[in-house]
Amino acid sequence: DDMTAVIQPIPVHSDVASRVSTTRETVAR
C-alpha cells in the first residue's frame, strides 16, 4: 500500500552487514 511493508523472514543482522559492508553491531544499533 506504499505505506507499510512486512518483511519475512526477519532480516538477519549478519546478512545485512554483509550486503552493506558494515558490522552486525552497527546493524543492530
PDB file of all heavy atoms in Angstrom:
ATOM      1  N   ASP A   1       0.811  -1.214   0.000  1.00  0.00           N
ATOM      2  CA  ASP A   1       0.000   0.000   0.000  1.00  0.00           C
ATOM      3  C   ASP A   1       0.845   1.265   0.000  1.00  0.00           C
ATOM      4  O   ASP A   1       0.341   2.353   0.228  1.00  0.00           O
ATOM      5  CB  ASP A   1      -0.946   0.016   1.201  1.00  0.00           C
ATOM      6  CG  ASP A   1      -0.200  -0.086   2.537  1.00  0.00           C
ATOM      7  OD1 ASP A   1       1.046   0.011   2.531  1.00  0.00           O
ATOM      8  OD2 ASP A   1      -0.867  -0.273   3.556  1.00  0.00           O
ATOM      9  N   ASP A   2       2.156   1.101  -0.246  1.00  0.00           N
ATOM     10  CA  ASP A   2       3.098   2.228  -0.287  1.00  0.00           C
ATOM     11  C   ASP A   2       3.274   2.926   1.056  1.00  0.00           C
ATOM     12  O   ASP A   2       3.898   3.970   1.130  1.00  0.00           O
ATOM     13  CB  ASP A   2       2.677   3.268  -1.343  1.00  0.00           C
ATOM     14  CG  ASP A   2       2.759   2.722  -2.754  1.00  0.00           C
ATOM     15  OD1 ASP A   2       3.639   1.875  -2.993  1.00  0.00           O
ATOM     16  OD2 ASP A   2       1.955   3.135  -3.592  1.00  0.00           O
ATOM     17  N   MET A   3       2.724   2.363   2.109  1.00  0.00           N
ATOM     18  CA  MET A   3       2.860   2.971   3.429  1.00  0.00           C
ATOM     19  C   MET A   3       3.559   2.035   4.412  1.00  0.00           C
ATOM     20  O   MET A   3       4.338   2.467   5.244  1.00  0.00           O
ATOM     21  CB  MET A   3       1.472   3.351   3.978  1.00  0.00           C
ATOM     22  CG  MET A   3       0.794   4.466   3.177  1.00  0.00           C
ATOM     23  SD  MET A   3       1.726   6.015   3.205  1.00  0.00           S
ATOM     24  CE  MET A   3       1.590   6.446   4.937  1.00  0.00           C
ATOM     25  N   THR A   4       3.251   0.741   4.323  1.00  0.00           N
ATOM     26  CA  THR A   4       3.854  -0.244   5.221  1.00  0.00           C
ATOM     27  C   THR A   4       4.386  -1.415   4.399  1.00  0.00           C
ATOM     28  O   THR A   4       4.009  -1.613   3.246  1.00  0.00           O
ATOM     29  CB  THR A   4       2.837  -0.759   6.248  1.00  0.00           C
ATOM     30  OG1 THR A   4       1.758  -1.415   5.552  1.00  0.00           O
ATOM     31  CG2 THR A   4       2.282   0.368   7.089  1.00  0.00           C
ATOM     32  N   ALA A   5       5.256  -2.193   5.031  1.00  0.00           N
ATOM     33  CA  ALA A   5       5.796  -3.392   4.386  1.00  0.00           C
ATOM     34  C   ALA A   5       6.066  -4.429   5.467  1.00  0.00           C
ATOM     35  O   ALA A   5       6.511  -4.093   6.568  1.00  0.00           O
ATOM     36  CB  ALA A   5       7.069  -3.069   3.619  1.00  0.00           C
ATOM     37  N   VAL A   6       5.801  -5.670   5.150  1.00  0.00           N
ATOM     38  CA  VAL A   6       6.047  -6.772   6.076  1.00  0.00           C
ATOM     39  C   VAL A   6       7.141  -7.649   5.484  1.00  0.00           C
ATOM     40  O   VAL A   6       6.946  -8.299   4.459  1.00  0.00           O
ATOM     41  CB  VAL A   6       4.777  -7.602   6.319  1.00  0.00           C
ATOM     42  CG1 VAL A   6       5.067  -8.754   7.277  1.00  0.00           C
ATOM     43  CG2 VAL A   6       3.654  -6.717   6.870  1.00  0.00           C
ATOM     44  N   ILE A   7       8.309  -7.633   6.119  1.00  0.00           N
ATOM     45  CA  ILE A   7       9.466  -8.365   5.621  1.00  0.00           C
ATOM     46  C   ILE A   7       9.582  -9.682   6.371  1.00  0.00           C
ATOM     47  O   ILE A   7       9.745  -9.704   7.589  1.00  0.00           O
ATOM     48  CB  ILE A   7      10.748  -7.534   5.801  1.00  0.00           C
ATOM     49  CG1 ILE A   7      10.620  -6.190   5.077  1.00  0.00           C
ATOM     50  CG2 ILE A   7      11.956  -8.299   5.282  1.00  0.00           C
ATOM     51  CD1 ILE A   7      11.767  -5.239   5.363  1.00  0.00           C
ATOM     52  N   GLN A   8       9.468 -10.777   5.627  1.00  0.00           N
ATOM     53  CA  GLN A   8       9.585 -12.111   6.206  1.00  0.00           C
ATOM     54  C   GLN A   8      10.572 -12.942   5.393  1.00  0.00           C
ATOM     55  O   GLN A   8      10.517 -12.903   4.156  1.00  0.00           O
ATOM     56  CB  GLN A   8       8.227 -12.815   6.225  1.00  0.00           C
ATOM     57  CG  GLN A   8       7.202 -12.184   7.163  1.00  0.00           C
ATOM     58  CD  GLN A   8       5.871 -12.890   7.082  1.00  0.00           C
ATOM     59  OE1 GLN A   8       5.256 -12.912   6.012  1.00  0.00           O
ATOM     60  NE2 GLN A   8       5.426 -13.459   8.194  1.00  0.00           N
ATOM     61  N   PRO A   9      11.430 -13.699   6.052  1.00  0.00           N
ATOM     62  CA  PRO A   9      11.676 -13.699   7.493  1.00  0.00           C
ATOM     63  C   PRO A   9      12.369 -12.405   7.927  1.00  0.00           C
ATOM     64  O   PRO A   9      12.763 -11.601   7.083  1.00  0.00           O
ATOM     65  CB  PRO A   9      12.588 -14.912   7.685  1.00  0.00           C
ATOM     66  CG  PRO A   9      13.316 -15.021   6.381  1.00  0.00           C
ATOM     67  CD  PRO A   9      12.318 -14.629   5.333  1.00  0.00           C
ATOM     68  N   ILE A  10      12.513 -12.224   9.217  1.00  0.00           N
ATOM     69  CA  ILE A  10      13.191 -11.035   9.731  1.00  0.00           C
ATOM     70  C   ILE A  10      14.631 -11.016   9.220  1.00  0.00           C
ATOM     71  O   ILE A  10      15.333 -12.029   9.289  1.00  0.00           O
ATOM     72  CB  ILE A  10      13.182 -11.047  11.276  1.00  0.00           C
ATOM     73  CG1 ILE A  10      11.738 -10.965  11.795  1.00  0.00           C
ATOM     74  CG2 ILE A  10      14.010  -9.901  11.834  1.00  0.00           C
ATOM     75  CD1 ILE A  10      11.606 -11.154  13.292  1.00  0.00           C
ATOM     76  N   PRO A  11      15.080  -9.896   8.675  1.00  0.00           N
ATOM     77  CA  PRO A  11      16.458  -9.829   8.164  1.00  0.00           C
ATOM     78  C   PRO A  11      17.480 -10.169   9.246  1.00  0.00           C
ATOM     79  O   PRO A  11      17.414  -9.651  10.363  1.00  0.00           O
ATOM     80  CB  PRO A  11      16.591  -8.367   7.719  1.00  0.00           C
ATOM     81  CG  PRO A  11      15.191  -7.915   7.451  1.00  0.00           C
ATOM     82  CD  PRO A  11      14.343  -8.637   8.461  1.00  0.00           C
ATOM     83  N   VAL A  12      18.392 -11.054   8.915  1.00  0.00           N
ATOM     84  CA  VAL A  12      19.466 -11.429   9.841  1.00  0.00           C
ATOM     85  C   VAL A  12      20.530 -10.324   9.820  1.00  0.00           C
ATOM     86  O   VAL A  12      20.962  -9.891   8.748  1.00  0.00           O
ATOM     87  CB  VAL A  12      20.095 -12.774   9.427  1.00  0.00           C
ATOM     88  CG1 VAL A  12      21.248 -13.143  10.353  1.00  0.00           C
ATOM     89  CG2 VAL A  12      19.027 -13.873   9.421  1.00  0.00           C
ATOM     90  N   HIS A  13      20.913  -9.863  10.987  1.00  0.00           N
ATOM     91  CA  HIS A  13      21.844  -8.731  11.070  1.00  0.00           C
ATOM     92  C   HIS A  13      23.145  -8.998  10.323  1.00  0.00           C
ATOM     93  O   HIS A  13      23.693  -8.109   9.658  1.00  0.00           O
ATOM     94  CB  HIS A  13      22.130  -8.393  12.533  1.00  0.00           C
ATOM     95  CG  HIS A  13      20.958  -7.768  13.226  1.00  0.00           C
ATOM     96  ND1 HIS A  13      20.963  -7.453  14.568  1.00  0.00           N
ATOM     97  CD2 HIS A  13      19.732  -7.406  12.767  1.00  0.00           C
ATOM     98  CE1 HIS A  13      19.799  -6.911  14.902  1.00  0.00           C
ATOM     99  NE2 HIS A  13      19.044  -6.882  13.830  1.00  0.00           N
ATOM    100  N   SER A  14      23.656 -10.222  10.427  1.00  0.00           N
ATOM    101  CA  SER A  14      24.914 -10.535   9.747  1.00  0.00           C
ATOM    102  C   SER A  14      24.745 -10.489   8.232  1.00  0.00           C
ATOM    103  O   SER A  14      25.683 -10.113   7.510  1.00  0.00           O
ATOM    104  CB  SER A  14      25.434 -11.901  10.186  1.00  0.00           C
ATOM    105  OG  SER A  14      24.486 -12.925   9.894  1.00  0.00           O
ATOM    106  N   ASP A  15      23.558 -10.858   7.733  1.00  0.00           N
ATOM    107  CA  ASP A  15      23.303 -10.800   6.288  1.00  0.00           C
ATOM    108  C   ASP A  15      23.255  -9.355   5.806  1.00  0.00           C
ATOM    109  O   ASP A  15      23.815  -9.021   4.753  1.00  0.00           O
ATOM    110  CB  ASP A  15      21.981 -11.488   5.951  1.00  0.00           C
ATOM    111  CG  ASP A  15      22.044 -12.996   6.144  1.00  0.00           C
ATOM    112  OD1 ASP A  15      23.162 -13.528   6.299  1.00  0.00           O
ATOM    113  OD2 ASP A  15      20.975 -13.648   6.131  1.00  0.00           O
ATOM    114  N   VAL A  16      22.576  -8.503   6.557  1.00  0.00           N
ATOM    115  CA  VAL A  16      22.518  -7.085   6.201  1.00  0.00           C
ATOM    116  C   VAL A  16      23.929  -6.498   6.224  1.00  0.00           C
ATOM    117  O   VAL A  16      24.329  -5.773   5.303  1.00  0.00           O
ATOM    118  CB  VAL A  16      21.598  -6.306   7.159  1.00  0.00           C
ATOM    119  CG1 VAL A  16      21.616  -4.809   6.823  1.00  0.00           C
ATOM    120  CG2 VAL A  16      20.173  -6.847   7.085  1.00  0.00           C
ATOM    121  N   ALA A  17      24.680  -6.817   7.261  1.00  0.00           N
ATOM    122  CA  ALA A  17      26.049  -6.308   7.384  1.00  0.00           C
ATOM    123  C   ALA A  17      26.904  -6.731   6.192  1.00  0.00           C
ATOM    124  O   ALA A  17      27.706  -5.949   5.676  1.00  0.00           O
ATOM    125  CB  ALA A  17      26.678  -6.799   8.694  1.00  0.00           C
ATOM    126  N   SER A  18      26.708  -7.959   5.736  1.00  0.00           N
ATOM    127  CA  SER A  18      27.475  -8.459   4.595  1.00  0.00           C
ATOM    128  C   SER A  18      27.120  -7.714   3.314  1.00  0.00           C
ATOM    129  O   SER A  18      27.988  -7.443   2.486  1.00  0.00           O
ATOM    130  CB  SER A  18      27.219  -9.960   4.412  1.00  0.00           C
ATOM    131  OG  SER A  18      27.883 -10.464   3.280  1.00  0.00           O
ATOM    132  N   ARG A  19      25.850  -7.362   3.169  1.00  0.00           N
ATOM    133  CA  ARG A  19      25.430  -6.658   1.959  1.00  0.00           C
ATOM    134  C   ARG A  19      25.927  -5.217   1.919  1.00  0.00           C
ATOM    135  O   ARG A  19      26.226  -4.689   0.841  1.00  0.00           O
ATOM    136  CB  ARG A  19      23.898  -6.678   1.832  1.00  0.00           C
ATOM    137  CG  ARG A  19      23.309  -8.000   1.418  1.00  0.00           C
ATOM    138  CD  ARG A  19      21.860  -7.856   0.987  1.00  0.00           C
ATOM    139  NE  ARG A  19      20.989  -7.422   2.059  1.00  0.00           N
ATOM    140  CZ  ARG A  19      20.349  -8.249   2.880  1.00  0.00           C
ATOM    141  NH1 ARG A  19      20.523  -9.563   2.765  1.00  0.00           N
ATOM    142  NH2 ARG A  19      19.553  -7.788   3.823  1.00  0.00           N
ATOM    143  N   VAL A  20      25.988  -4.559   3.066  1.00  0.00           N
ATOM    144  CA  VAL A  20      26.300  -3.126   3.067  1.00  0.00           C
ATOM    145  C   VAL A  20      27.691  -2.821   3.619  1.00  0.00           C
ATOM    146  O   VAL A  20      28.035  -1.665   3.839  1.00  0.00           O
ATOM    147  CB  VAL A  20      25.240  -2.322   3.859  1.00  0.00           C
ATOM    148  CG1 VAL A  20      23.859  -2.577   3.287  1.00  0.00           C
ATOM    149  CG2 VAL A  20      25.280  -2.645   5.344  1.00  0.00           C
ATOM    150  N   SER A  21      28.482  -3.854   3.840  1.00  0.00           N
ATOM    151  CA  SER A  21      29.876  -3.696   4.270  1.00  0.00           C
ATOM    152  C   SER A  21      29.990  -2.935   5.587  1.00  0.00           C
ATOM    153  O   SER A  21      30.610  -1.869   5.682  1.00  0.00           O
ATOM    154  CB  SER A  21      30.697  -2.981   3.187  1.00  0.00           C
ATOM    155  OG  SER A  21      32.075  -3.025   3.491  1.00  0.00           O
ATOM    156  N   THR A  22      29.365  -3.510   6.622  1.00  0.00           N
ATOM    157  CA  THR A  22      29.496  -2.937   7.959  1.00  0.00           C
ATOM    158  C   THR A  22      29.489  -4.092   8.959  1.00  0.00           C
ATOM    159  O   THR A  22      29.721  -5.247   8.582  1.00  0.00           O
ATOM    160  CB  THR A  22      28.379  -1.918   8.242  1.00  0.00           C
ATOM    161  OG1 THR A  22      28.647  -1.252   9.481  1.00  0.00           O
ATOM    162  CG2 THR A  22      27.015  -2.568   8.309  1.00  0.00           C
ATOM    163  N   THR A  23      29.252  -3.808  10.236  1.00  0.00           N
ATOM    164  CA  THR A  23      29.277  -4.839  11.271  1.00  0.00           C
ATOM    165  C   THR A  23      27.877  -5.159  11.755  1.00  0.00           C
ATOM    166  O   THR A  23      26.943  -4.356  11.601  1.00  0.00           O
ATOM    167  CB  THR A  23      30.111  -4.382  12.471  1.00  0.00           C
ATOM    168  OG1 THR A  23      29.465  -3.233  13.079  1.00  0.00           O
ATOM    169  CG2 THR A  23      31.520  -3.993  12.039  1.00  0.00           C
ATOM    170  N   ARG A  24      27.726  -6.346  12.338  1.00  0.00           N
ATOM    171  CA  ARG A  24      26.427  -6.728  12.913  1.00  0.00           C
ATOM    172  C   ARG A  24      26.016  -5.759  14.015  1.00  0.00           C
ATOM    173  O   ARG A  24      24.825  -5.463  14.167  1.00  0.00           O
ATOM    174  CB  ARG A  24      26.510  -8.150  13.474  1.00  0.00           C
ATOM    175  CG  ARG A  24      26.559  -9.230  12.402  1.00  0.00           C
ATOM    176  CD  ARG A  24      26.734 -10.601  12.999  1.00  0.00           C
ATOM    177  NE  ARG A  24      28.054 -10.741  13.612  1.00  0.00           N
ATOM    178  CZ  ARG A  24      28.475 -11.832  14.238  1.00  0.00           C
ATOM    179  NH1 ARG A  24      27.691 -12.876  14.349  1.00  0.00           N
ATOM    180  NH2 ARG A  24      29.690 -11.878  14.768  1.00  0.00           N
ATOM    181  N   GLU A  25      26.997  -5.275  14.766  1.00  0.00           N
ATOM    182  CA  GLU A  25      26.687  -4.344  15.854  1.00  0.00           C
ATOM    183  C   GLU A  25      26.090  -3.049  15.312  1.00  0.00           C
ATOM    184  O   GLU A  25      25.138  -2.495  15.900  1.00  0.00           O
ATOM    185  CB  GLU A  25      27.951  -4.049  16.660  1.00  0.00           C
ATOM    186  CG  GLU A  25      28.503  -5.220  17.456  1.00  0.00           C
ATOM    187  CD  GLU A  25      29.225  -6.256  16.600  1.00  0.00           C
ATOM    188  OE1 GLU A  25      29.546  -5.943  15.424  1.00  0.00           O
ATOM    189  OE2 GLU A  25      29.447  -7.374  17.100  1.00  0.00           O
ATOM    190  N   THR A  26      26.623  -2.568  14.196  1.00  0.00           N
ATOM    191  CA  THR A  26      26.077  -1.359  13.584  1.00  0.00           C
ATOM    192  C   THR A  26      24.652  -1.593  13.115  1.00  0.00           C
ATOM    193  O   THR A  26      23.764  -0.748  13.328  1.00  0.00           O
ATOM    194  CB  THR A  26      26.955  -0.919  12.394  1.00  0.00           C
ATOM    195  OG1 THR A  26      28.252  -0.575  12.874  1.00  0.00           O
ATOM    196  CG2 THR A  26      26.338   0.284  11.684  1.00  0.00           C
ATOM    197  N   VAL A  27      24.411  -2.736  12.486  1.00  0.00           N
ATOM    198  CA  VAL A  27      23.054  -3.052  12.014  1.00  0.00           C
ATOM    199  C   VAL A  27      22.090  -3.110  13.192  1.00  0.00           C
ATOM    200  O   VAL A  27      20.990  -2.549  13.140  1.00  0.00           O
ATOM    201  CB  VAL A  27      23.043  -4.378  11.240  1.00  0.00           C
ATOM    202  CG1 VAL A  27      21.608  -4.753  10.849  1.00  0.00           C
ATOM    203  CG2 VAL A  27      23.922  -4.289   9.999  1.00  0.00           C
ATOM    204  N   ALA A  28      22.487  -3.774  14.279  1.00  0.00           N
ATOM    205  CA  ALA A  28      21.629  -3.878  15.458  1.00  0.00           C
ATOM    206  C   ALA A  28      21.321  -2.496  16.027  1.00  0.00           C
ATOM    207  O   ALA A  28      20.170  -2.208  16.410  1.00  0.00           O
ATOM    208  CB  ALA A  28      22.298  -4.754  16.513  1.00  0.00           C
ATOM    209  N   ARG A  29      22.320  -1.625  16.070  1.00  0.00           N
ATOM    210  CA  ARG A  29      22.112  -0.275  16.607  1.00  0.00           C
ATOM    211  C   ARG A  29      21.148   0.522  15.727  1.00  0.00           C
ATOM    212  O   ARG A  29      20.251   1.213  16.236  1.00  0.00           O
ATOM    213  CB  ARG A  29      23.455   0.446  16.716  1.00  0.00           C
ATOM    214  CG  ARG A  29      23.351   1.821  17.372  1.00  0.00           C
ATOM    215  CD  ARG A  29      24.709   2.457  17.568  1.00  0.00           C
ATOM    216  NE  ARG A  29      25.354   2.771  16.300  1.00  0.00           N
ATOM    217  CZ  ARG A  29      26.405   2.113  15.817  1.00  0.00           C
ATOM    218  NH1 ARG A  29      26.937   1.101  16.489  1.00  0.00           N
ATOM    219  NH2 ARG A  29      26.939   2.462  14.657  1.00  0.00           N
TER     220      ARG A  29
END
